[in-house]
Amino acid sequence: MDIEAAKITIVENLKKKSKAKSKFYLKDFYKFFPDEKPRTIKNIVNTMVTDGTLEYWSSGSTTLIGLKGMGKQAHTEDEG
């Protein structure tokens, strides 16, 4: 799997879906690459969080992932 191409695919898919919601479960990312192992996708997502493309958001019991700076939460967290 080409990791750079996978990163582009993830960003494009999240931007398409961002009109409906801005945060996603890790399992939602698996749907973008049905032929890949979940561990491979998890590693790519973790790399994207590390490089600042994506960010984790936690409600305390659930962890979601979204594009950095997208969604309602992004604006309120920056001001606090």
PDB file of N, CA and C in Angstrom:
ATOM      1  N   MET A   1       0.847  -1.186   0.000  1.00  0.00           N
ATOM      2  CA  MET A   1       0.000   0.000   0.000  1.00  0.00           C
ATOM      3  C   MET A   1       0.886   1.241   0.000  1.00  0.00           C
ATOM      4  N   ASP A   2       0.572   2.179  -0.866  1.00  0.00           N
ATOM      5  CA  ASP A   2       1.280   3.452  -0.920  1.00  0.00           C
ATOM      6  C   ASP A   2       0.739   4.355   0.192  1.00  0.00           C
ATOM      7  N   ILE A   3       1.559   4.614   1.179  1.00  0.00           N
ATOM      8  CA  ILE A   3       1.115   5.364   2.357  1.00  0.00           C
ATOM      9  C   ILE A   3       0.709   6.793   2.001  1.00  0.00           C
ATOM     10  N   GLU A   4       1.466   7.448   1.150  1.00  0.00           N
ATOM     11  CA  GLU A   4       1.126   8.829   0.770  1.00  0.00           C
ATOM     12  C   GLU A   4      -0.208   8.880   0.040  1.00  0.00           C
ATOM     13  N   ALA A   5      -0.456   7.914  -0.832  1.00  0.00           N
ATOM     14  CA  ALA A   5      -1.741   7.857  -1.541  1.00  0.00           C
ATOM     15  C   ALA A   5      -2.880   7.587  -0.555  1.00  0.00           C
ATOM     16  N   ALA A   6      -2.608   6.746   0.443  1.00  0.00           N
ATOM     17  CA  ALA A   6      -3.620   6.444   1.455  1.00  0.00           C
ATOM     18  C   ALA A   6      -3.961   7.697   2.264  1.00  0.00           C
ATOM     19  N   LYS A   7      -2.956   8.494   2.594  1.00  0.00           N
ATOM     20  CA  LYS A   7      -3.194   9.737   3.342  1.00  0.00           C
ATOM     21  C   LYS A   7      -4.074  10.680   2.536  1.00  0.00           C
ATOM     22  N   ILE A   8      -3.804  10.795   1.246  1.00  0.00           N
ATOM     23  CA  ILE A   8      -4.605  11.662   0.372  1.00  0.00           C
ATOM     24  C   ILE A   8      -6.044  11.155   0.313  1.00  0.00           C
ATOM     25  N   THR A   9      -6.207   9.848   0.188  1.00  0.00           N
ATOM     26  CA  THR A   9      -7.546   9.249   0.152  1.00  0.00           C
ATOM     27  C   THR A   9      -8.311   9.550   1.434  1.00  0.00           C
ATOM     28  N   ILE A  10      -7.651   9.433   2.567  1.00  0.00           N
ATOM     29  CA  ILE A  10      -8.299   9.704   3.853  1.00  0.00           C
ATOM     30  C   ILE A  10      -8.756  11.163   3.922  1.00  0.00           C
ATOM     31  N   VAL A  11      -7.879  12.086   3.587  1.00  0.00           N
ATOM     32  CA  VAL A  11      -8.230  13.512   3.657  1.00  0.00           C
ATOM     33  C   VAL A  11      -9.383  13.826   2.705  1.00  0.00           C
ATOM     34  N   GLU A  12      -9.335  13.302   1.491  1.00  0.00           N
ATOM     35  CA  GLU A  12     -10.410  13.557   0.524  1.00  0.00           C
ATOM     36  C   GLU A  12     -11.746  13.021   1.024  1.00  0.00           C
ATOM     37  N   ASN A  13     -11.735  11.800   1.569  1.00  0.00           N
ATOM     38  CA  ASN A  13     -12.972  11.214   2.083  1.00  0.00           C
ATOM     39  C   ASN A  13     -13.516  11.994   3.273  1.00  0.00           C
ATOM     40  N   LEU A  14     -12.652  12.443   4.157  1.00  0.00           N
ATOM     41  CA  LEU A  14     -13.113  13.214   5.317  1.00  0.00           C
ATOM     42  C   LEU A  14     -13.682  14.561   4.885  1.00  0.00           C
ATOM     43  N   LYS A  15     -13.070  15.184   3.896  1.00  0.00           N
ATOM     44  CA  LYS A  15     -13.589  16.468   3.411  1.00  0.00           C
ATOM     45  C   LYS A  15     -14.962  16.293   2.776  1.00  0.00           C
ATOM     46  N   LYS A  16     -15.167  15.203   2.047  1.00  0.00           N
ATOM     47  CA  LYS A  16     -16.477  14.930   1.432  1.00  0.00           C
ATOM     48  C   LYS A  16     -17.541  14.745   2.511  1.00  0.00           C
ATOM     49  N   LYS A  17     -17.186  14.030   3.566  1.00  0.00           N
ATOM     50  CA  LYS A  17     -18.142  13.719   4.621  1.00  0.00           C
ATOM     51  C   LYS A  17     -18.282  14.826   5.662  1.00  0.00           C
ATOM     52  N   SER A  18     -17.429  15.850   5.594  1.00  0.00           N
ATOM     53  CA  SER A  18     -17.415  16.869   6.640  1.00  0.00           C
ATOM     54  C   SER A  18     -18.675  17.724   6.681  1.00  0.00           C
ATOM     55  N   LYS A  19     -19.458  17.718   5.620  1.00  0.00           N
ATOM     56  CA  LYS A  19     -20.714  18.469   5.645  1.00  0.00           C
ATOM     57  C   LYS A  19     -21.704  17.820   6.613  1.00  0.00           C
ATOM     58  N   ALA A  20     -21.616  16.512   6.777  1.00  0.00           N
ATOM     59  CA  ALA A  20     -22.519  15.792   7.675  1.00  0.00           C
ATOM     60  C   ALA A  20     -21.962  15.703   9.095  1.00  0.00           C
ATOM     61  N   LYS A  21     -20.667  15.386   9.211  1.00  0.00           N
ATOM     62  CA  LYS A  21     -20.039  15.300  10.536  1.00  0.00           C
ATOM     63  C   LYS A  21     -18.545  15.509  10.386  1.00  0.00           C
ATOM     64  N   SER A  22     -17.910  15.863  11.487  1.00  0.00           N
ATOM     65  CA  SER A  22     -16.484  16.187  11.411  1.00  0.00           C
ATOM     66  C   SER A  22     -15.592  15.206  12.166  1.00  0.00           C
ATOM     67  N   LYS A  23     -16.165  14.353  12.993  1.00  0.00           N
ATOM     68  CA  LYS A  23     -15.386  13.392  13.774  1.00  0.00           C
ATOM     69  C   LYS A  23     -15.862  11.981  13.457  1.00  0.00           C
ATOM     70  N   PHE A  24     -14.907  11.046  13.401  1.00  0.00           N
ATOM     71  CA  PHE A  24     -15.215   9.689  12.981  1.00  0.00           C
ATOM     72  C   PHE A  24     -14.553   8.678  13.901  1.00  0.00           C
ATOM     73  N   TYR A  25     -15.163   7.506  13.998  1.00  0.00           N
ATOM     74  CA  TYR A  25     -14.560   6.389  14.707  1.00  0.00           C
ATOM     75  C   TYR A  25     -13.445   5.816  13.849  1.00  0.00           C
ATOM     76  N   LEU A  26     -12.479   5.157  14.462  1.00  0.00           N
ATOM     77  CA  LEU A  26     -11.401   4.532  13.718  1.00  0.00           C
ATOM     78  C   LEU A  26     -11.954   3.520  12.720  1.00  0.00           C
ATOM     79  N   LYS A  27     -13.002   2.788  13.102  1.00  0.00           N
ATOM     80  CA  LYS A  27     -13.570   1.779  12.205  1.00  0.00           C
ATOM     81  C   LYS A  27     -14.115   2.405  10.915  1.00  0.00           C
ATOM     82  N   ASP A  28     -14.486   3.682  10.945  1.00  0.00           N
ATOM     83  CA  ASP A  28     -14.948   4.352   9.728  1.00  0.00           C
ATOM     84  C   ASP A  28     -13.825   4.459   8.702  1.00  0.00           C
ATOM     85  N   PHE A  29     -12.600   4.573   9.153  1.00  0.00           N
ATOM     86  CA  PHE A  29     -11.460   4.677   8.250  1.00  0.00           C
ATOM     87  C   PHE A  29     -11.204   3.349   7.539  1.00  0.00           C
ATOM     88  N   TYR A  30     -11.540   2.247   8.188  1.00  0.00           N
ATOM     89  CA  TYR A  30     -11.340   0.934   7.577  1.00  0.00           C
ATOM     90  C   TYR A  30     -12.167   0.787   6.301  1.00  0.00           C
ATOM     91  N   LYS A  31     -13.312   1.440   6.251  1.00  0.00           N
ATOM     92  CA  LYS A  31     -14.199   1.349   5.079  1.00  0.00           C
ATOM     93  C   LYS A  31     -13.561   1.977   3.839  1.00  0.00           C
ATOM     94  N   PHE A  32     -12.644   2.918   4.024  1.00  0.00           N
ATOM     95  CA  PHE A  32     -11.974   3.543   2.881  1.00  0.00           C
ATOM     96  C   PHE A  32     -11.038   2.559   2.183  1.00  0.00           C
ATOM     97  N   PHE A  33     -10.584   1.542   2.912  1.00  0.00           N
ATOM     98  CA  PHE A  33      -9.612   0.564   2.397  1.00  0.00           C
ATOM     99  C   PHE A  33     -10.057  -0.850   2.780  1.00  0.00           C
ATOM    100  N   PRO A  34     -11.107  -1.352   2.164  1.00  0.00           N
ATOM    101  CA  PRO A  34     -11.661  -2.648   2.579  1.00  0.00           C
ATOM    102  C   PRO A  34     -10.706  -3.834   2.421  1.00  0.00           C
ATOM    103  N   ASP A  35      -9.697  -3.716   1.568  1.00  0.00           N
ATOM    104  CA  ASP A  35      -8.776  -4.833   1.351  1.00  0.00           C
ATOM    105  C   ASP A  35      -7.562  -4.810   2.279  1.00  0.00           C
ATOM    106  N   GLU A  36      -7.444  -3.778   3.077  1.00  0.00           N
ATOM    107  CA  GLU A  36      -6.291  -3.648   3.972  1.00  0.00           C
ATOM    108  C   GLU A  36      -6.630  -4.141   5.373  1.00  0.00           C
ATOM    109  N   LYS A  37      -5.596  -4.530   6.094  1.00  0.00           N
ATOM    110  CA  LYS A  37      -5.777  -4.962   7.482  1.00  0.00           C
ATOM    111  C   LYS A  37      -6.005  -3.730   8.358  1.00  0.00           C
ATOM    112  N   PRO A  38      -6.871  -3.852   9.356  1.00  0.00           N
ATOM    113  CA  PRO A  38      -7.140  -2.726  10.258  1.00  0.00           C
ATOM    114  C   PRO A  38      -5.877  -2.134  10.891  1.00  0.00           C
ATOM    115  N   ARG A  39      -4.923  -2.978  11.227  1.00  0.00           N
ATOM    116  CA  ARG A  39      -3.692  -2.488  11.867  1.00  0.00           C
ATOM    117  C   ARG A  39      -2.938  -1.531  10.940  1.00  0.00           C
ATOM    118  N   THR A  40      -2.918  -1.824   9.648  1.00  0.00           N
ATOM    119  CA  THR A  40      -2.246  -0.961   8.673  1.00  0.00           C
ATOM    120  C   THR A  40      -2.903   0.412   8.641  1.00  0.00           C
ATOM    121  N   ILE A  41      -4.229   0.432   8.628  1.00  0.00           N
ATOM    122  CA  ILE A  41      -4.966   1.705   8.590  1.00  0.00           C
ATOM    123  C   ILE A  41      -4.756   2.469   9.891  1.00  0.00           C
ATOM    124  N   LYS A  42      -4.781   1.763  11.010  1.00  0.00           N
ATOM    125  CA  LYS A  42      -4.559   2.408  12.310  1.00  0.00           C
ATOM    126  C   LYS A  42      -3.190   3.082  12.342  1.00  0.00           C
ATOM    127  N   ASN A  43      -2.178   2.419  11.816  1.00  0.00           N
ATOM    128  CA  ASN A  43      -0.837   2.999  11.790  1.00  0.00           C
ATOM    129  C   ASN A  43      -0.781   4.259  10.930  1.00  0.00           C
ATOM    130  N   ILE A  44      -1.472   4.238   9.798  1.00  0.00           N
ATOM    131  CA  ILE A  44      -1.507   5.421   8.919  1.00  0.00           C
ATOM    132  C   ILE A  44      -2.217   6.572   9.621  1.00  0.00           C
ATOM    133  N   VAL A  45      -3.346   6.281  10.261  1.00  0.00           N
ATOM    134  CA  VAL A  45      -4.094   7.320  10.987  1.00  0.00           C
ATOM    135  C   VAL A  45      -3.231   7.891  12.115  1.00  0.00           C
ATOM    136  N   ASN A  46      -2.539   7.049  12.855  1.00  0.00           N
ATOM    137  CA  ASN A  46      -1.667   7.527  13.935  1.00  0.00           C
ATOM    138  C   ASN A  46      -0.555   8.424  13.389  1.00  0.00           C
ATOM    139  N   THR A  47      -0.002   8.059  12.244  1.00  0.00           N
ATOM    140  CA  THR A  47       1.021   8.887  11.606  1.00  0.00           C
ATOM    141  C   THR A  47       0.455  10.252  11.230  1.00  0.00           C
ATOM    142  N   MET A  48      -0.778  10.261  10.728  1.00  0.00           N
ATOM    143  CA  MET A  48      -1.412  11.523  10.335  1.00  0.00           C
ATOM    144  C   MET A  48      -1.724  12.398  11.551  1.00  0.00           C
ATOM    145  N   VAL A  49      -2.020  11.780  12.694  1.00  0.00           N
ATOM    146  CA  VAL A  49      -2.227  12.542  13.931  1.00  0.00           C
ATOM    147  C   VAL A  49      -0.889  13.141  14.369  1.00  0.00           C
ATOM    148  N   THR A  50       0.160  12.361  14.295  1.00  0.00           N
ATOM    149  CA  THR A  50       1.489  12.820  14.695  1.00  0.00           C
ATOM    150  C   THR A  50       1.962  13.990  13.837  1.00  0.00           C
ATOM    151  N   ASP A  51       1.696  13.928  12.524  1.00  0.00           N
ATOM    152  CA  ASP A  51       2.163  15.013  11.648  1.00  0.00           C
ATOM    153  C   ASP A  51       1.196  16.205  11.612  1.00  0.00           C
ATOM    154  N   GLY A  52       0.073  16.118  12.345  1.00  0.00           N
ATOM    155  CA  GLY A  52      -0.813  17.260  12.483  1.00  0.00           C
ATOM    156  C   GLY A  52      -1.929  17.355  11.462  1.00  0.00           C
ATOM    157  N   THR A  53      -2.085  16.359  10.607  1.00  0.00           N
ATOM    158  CA  THR A  53      -3.165  16.372   9.620  1.00  0.00           C
ATOM    159  C   THR A  53      -4.501  16.055  10.282  1.00  0.00           C
ATOM    160  N   LEU A  54      -4.487  15.073  11.170  1.00  0.00           N
ATOM    161  CA  LEU A  54      -5.689  14.653  11.892  1.00  0.00           C
ATOM    162  C   LEU A  54      -5.493  14.937  13.376  1.00  0.00           C
ATOM    163  N   GLU A  55      -6.599  14.888  14.113  1.00  0.00           N
ATOM    164  CA  GLU A  55      -6.513  15.051  15.566  1.00  0.00           C
ATOM    165  C   GLU A  55      -7.503  14.131  16.250  1.00  0.00           C
ATOM    166  N   TYR A  56      -7.137  13.708  17.445  1.00  0.00           N
ATOM    167  CA  TYR A  56      -8.042  12.922  18.271  1.00  0.00           C
ATOM    168  C   TYR A  56      -8.949  13.865  19.037  1.00  0.00           C
ATOM    169  N   TRP A  57     -10.167  13.417  19.288  1.00  0.00           N
ATOM    170  CA  TRP A  57     -11.098  14.130  20.151  1.00  0.00           C
ATOM    171  C   TRP A  57     -11.721  13.088  21.056  1.00  0.00           C
ATOM    172  N   SER A  58     -11.766  13.365  22.337  1.00  0.00           N
ATOM    173  CA  SER A  58     -12.306  12.399  23.280  1.00  0.00           C
ATOM    174  C   SER A  58     -13.410  13.020  24.129  1.00  0.00           C
ATOM    175  N   SER A  59     -14.477  12.253  24.294  1.00  0.00           N
ATOM    176  CA  SER A  59     -15.562  12.686  25.167  1.00  0.00           C
ATOM    177  C   SER A  59     -15.345  12.153  26.579  1.00  0.00           C
ATOM    178  N   GLY A  60     -14.303  11.385  26.749  1.00  0.00           N
ATOM    179  CA  GLY A  60     -14.035  10.744  28.031  1.00  0.00           C
ATOM    180  C   GLY A  60     -14.247   9.248  27.921  1.00  0.00           C
ATOM    181  N   SER A  61     -15.289   8.843  27.192  1.00  0.00           N
ATOM    182  CA  SER A  61     -15.544   7.414  27.019  1.00  0.00           C
ATOM    183  C   SER A  61     -15.332   6.968  25.579  1.00  0.00           C
ATOM    184  N   THR A  62     -15.337   7.912  24.654  1.00  0.00           N
ATOM    185  CA  THR A  62     -15.211   7.595  23.233  1.00  0.00           C
ATOM    186  C   THR A  62     -14.138   8.477  22.616  1.00  0.00           C
ATOM    187  N   THR A  63     -13.306   7.887  21.778  1.00  0.00           N
ATOM    188  CA  THR A  63     -12.296   8.654  21.064  1.00  0.00           C
ATOM    189  C   THR A  63     -12.655   8.686  19.593  1.00  0.00           C
ATOM    190  N   LEU A  64     -12.712   9.887  19.049  1.00  0.00           N
ATOM    191  CA  LEU A  64     -13.014  10.089  17.636  1.00  0.00           C
ATOM    192  C   LEU A  64     -11.833  10.763  16.974  1.00  0.00           C
ATOM    193  N   ILE A  65     -11.809  10.719  15.646  1.00  0.00           N
ATOM    194  CA  ILE A  65     -10.711  11.285  14.871  1.00  0.00           C
ATOM    195  C   ILE A  65     -11.300  12.172  13.789  1.00  0.00           C
ATOM    196  N   GLY A  66     -10.684  13.319  13.575  1.00  0.00           N
ATOM    197  CA  GLY A  66     -11.146  14.217  12.517  1.00  0.00           C
ATOM    198  C   GLY A  66     -10.010  15.045  11.974  1.00  0.00           C
ATOM    199  N   LEU A  67     -10.304  15.786  10.919  1.00  0.00           N
ATOM    200  CA  LEU A  67      -9.307  16.695  10.357  1.00  0.00           C
ATOM    201  C   LEU A  67      -9.009  17.786  11.375  1.00  0.00           C
ATOM    202  N   LYS A  68      -7.770  18.125  11.513  1.00  0.00           N
ATOM    203  CA  LYS A  68      -7.374  19.140  12.492  1.00  0.00           C
ATOM    204  C   LYS A  68      -8.044  20.465  12.152  1.00  0.00           C
ATOM    205  N   GLY A  69      -8.690  21.068  13.149  1.00  0.00           N
ATOM    206  CA  GLY A  69      -9.322  22.370  12.973  1.00  0.00           C
ATOM    207  C   GLY A  69     -10.713  22.349  12.377  1.00  0.00           C
ATOM    208  N   MET A  70     -11.273  21.176  12.153  1.00  0.00           N
ATOM    209  CA  MET A  70     -12.612  21.081  11.567  1.00  0.00           C
ATOM    210  C   MET A  70     -13.645  20.793  12.654  1.00  0.00           C
ATOM    211  N   GLY A  71     -14.851  21.261  12.447  1.00  0.00           N
ATOM    212  CA  GLY A  71     -15.944  20.954  13.363  1.00  0.00           C
ATOM    213  C   GLY A  71     -16.166  22.022  14.405  1.00  0.00           C
ATOM    214  N   LYS A  72     -17.299  21.928  15.072  1.00  0.00           N
ATOM    215  CA  LYS A  72     -17.688  22.903  16.095  1.00  0.00           C
ATOM    216  C   LYS A  72     -16.700  22.949  17.256  1.00  0.00           C
ATOM    217  N   GLN A  73     -16.212  21.796  17.672  1.00  0.00           N
ATOM    218  CA  GLN A  73     -15.329  21.729  18.829  1.00  0.00           C
ATOM    219  C   GLN A  73     -14.035  22.505  18.632  1.00  0.00           C
ATOM    220  N   ALA A  74     -13.543  22.554  17.411  1.00  0.00           N
ATOM    221  CA  ALA A  74     -12.250  23.182  17.138  1.00  0.00           C
ATOM    222  C   ALA A  74     -12.252  24.652  17.544  1.00  0.00           C
ATOM    223  N   HIS A  75     -13.336  25.358  17.282  1.00  0.00           N
ATOM    224  CA  HIS A  75     -13.383  26.786  17.587  1.00  0.00           C
ATOM    225  C   HIS A  75     -13.477  27.036  19.084  1.00  0.00           C
ATOM    226  N   THR A  76     -14.217  26.251  19.808  1.00  0.00           N
ATOM    227  CA  THR A  76     -14.364  26.476  21.240  1.00  0.00           C
ATOM    228  C   THR A  76     -13.100  26.080  22.003  1.00  0.00           C
ATOM    229  N   GLU A  77     -12.401  25.056  21.546  1.00  0.00           N
ATOM    230  CA  GLU A  77     -11.192  24.622  22.240  1.00  0.00           C
ATOM    231  C   GLU A  77     -10.058  25.626  22.073  1.00  0.00           C
ATOM    232  N   ASP A  78      -9.970  26.267  20.913  1.00  0.00           N
ATOM    233  CA  ASP A  78      -8.903  27.235  20.669  1.00  0.00           C
ATOM    234  C   ASP A  78      -9.063  28.476  21.545  1.00  0.00           C
ATOM    235  N   GLU A  79     -10.309  28.851  21.841  1.00  0.00           N
ATOM    236  CA  GLU A  79     -10.552  30.070  22.611  1.00  0.00           C
ATOM    237  C   GLU A  79     -10.328  29.863  24.094  1.00  0.00           C
ATOM    238  N   GLY A  80     -10.429  28.589  24.563  1.00  0.00           N
ATOM    239  CA  GLY A  80     -10.351  28.305  25.989  1.00  0.00           C
ATOM    240  C   GLY A  80      -8.998  28.292  26.499  1.00  0.00           C
TER     241      GLY A  80
END
